[in-house]
C-alpha cells in the first residue's frame, strides 16, 4: 500500500537512493488504487 512505503521512499531518496518498479520505472503515488507493484529499493 502507498502509505506503507511513502516514508521509507522519502528517506531513501533524501539519502541518495532510489525506489523503482521491477521494470525500472519510478514507483508512483496518488494513482487509482493504493497497491504498489513489486519494487526494488537501492542505495
C-alpha atoms as a PDB file:
ATOM      1  CA  UNK A   1       0.000   0.000   0.000  1.00  0.00           C
ATOM      2  CA  UNK A   2       1.175   3.500  -0.787  1.00  0.00           C
ATOM      3  CA  UNK A   3       1.165   4.774   2.781  1.00  0.00           C
ATOM      4  CA  UNK A   4       3.262   1.804   3.907  1.00  0.00           C
ATOM      5  CA  UNK A   5       6.171   2.747   1.630  1.00  0.00           C
ATOM      6  CA  UNK A   6       5.968   6.540   1.253  1.00  0.00           C
ATOM      7  CA  UNK A   7       8.023   7.475   4.345  1.00  0.00           C
ATOM      8  CA  UNK A   8      10.773   4.959   3.614  1.00  0.00           C
ATOM      9  CA  UNK A   9      10.823   6.079  -0.013  1.00  0.00           C
ATOM     10  CA  UNK A  10      11.254   9.708   1.058  1.00  0.00           C
ATOM     11  CA  UNK A  11      14.093   8.875   3.467  1.00  0.00           C
ATOM     12  CA  UNK A  12      15.931   6.701   0.950  1.00  0.00           C
ATOM     13  CA  UNK A  13      15.554   9.322  -1.791  1.00  0.00           C
ATOM     14  CA  UNK A  14      16.864  12.059   0.537  1.00  0.00           C
ATOM     15  CA  UNK A  15      19.897   9.862   1.267  1.00  0.00           C
ATOM     16  CA  UNK A  16      20.612   9.469  -2.460  1.00  0.00           C
ATOM     17  CA  UNK A  17      18.911   6.115  -3.028  1.00  0.00           C
ATOM     18  CA  UNK A  18      16.220   5.069  -5.468  1.00  0.00           C
ATOM     19  CA  UNK A  19      12.964   3.163  -5.361  1.00  0.00           C
ATOM     20  CA  UNK A  20      11.949   1.677  -8.716  1.00  0.00           C
ATOM     21  CA  UNK A  21       9.469  -0.789 -10.080  1.00  0.00           C
ATOM     22  CA  UNK A  22      10.960  -4.031 -11.363  1.00  0.00           C
ATOM     23  CA  UNK A  23      10.700  -2.672 -14.917  1.00  0.00           C
ATOM     24  CA  UNK A  24      12.885   0.336 -13.974  1.00  0.00           C
ATOM     25  CA  UNK A  25      10.116   2.924 -13.911  1.00  0.00           C
ATOM     26  CA  UNK A  26       9.760   5.107 -10.798  1.00  0.00           C
ATOM     27  CA  UNK A  27       7.355   3.988  -8.096  1.00  0.00           C
ATOM     28  CA  UNK A  28       4.445   6.439  -8.288  1.00  0.00           C
ATOM     29  CA  UNK A  29       1.939   7.672  -5.721  1.00  0.00           C
ATOM     30  CA  UNK A  30      -1.533   9.169  -5.955  1.00  0.00           C
ATOM     31  CA  UNK A  31      -2.674   6.643  -8.529  1.00  0.00           C
ATOM     32  CA  UNK A  32      -6.060   4.983  -8.723  1.00  0.00           C
ATOM     33  CA  UNK A  33      -5.964   2.091  -6.272  1.00  0.00           C
ATOM     34  CA  UNK A  34      -3.430   2.115  -3.468  1.00  0.00           C
ATOM     35  CA  UNK A  35      -1.493  -1.097  -4.054  1.00  0.00           C
ATOM     36  CA  UNK A  36       2.148  -0.844  -5.066  1.00  0.00           C
ATOM     37  CA  UNK A  37       3.600  -3.130  -7.715  1.00  0.00           C
ATOM     38  CA  UNK A  38       6.721  -5.132  -6.910  1.00  0.00           C
ATOM     39  CA  UNK A  39       9.655  -2.764  -6.491  1.00  0.00           C
ATOM     40  CA  UNK A  40      13.337  -2.535  -5.597  1.00  0.00           C
ATOM     41  CA  UNK A  41      14.859  -0.081  -3.114  1.00  0.00           C
ATOM     42  CA  UNK A  42      18.565   0.584  -3.624  1.00  0.00           C
ATOM     43  CA  UNK A  43      21.169   2.907  -2.238  1.00  0.00           C
END
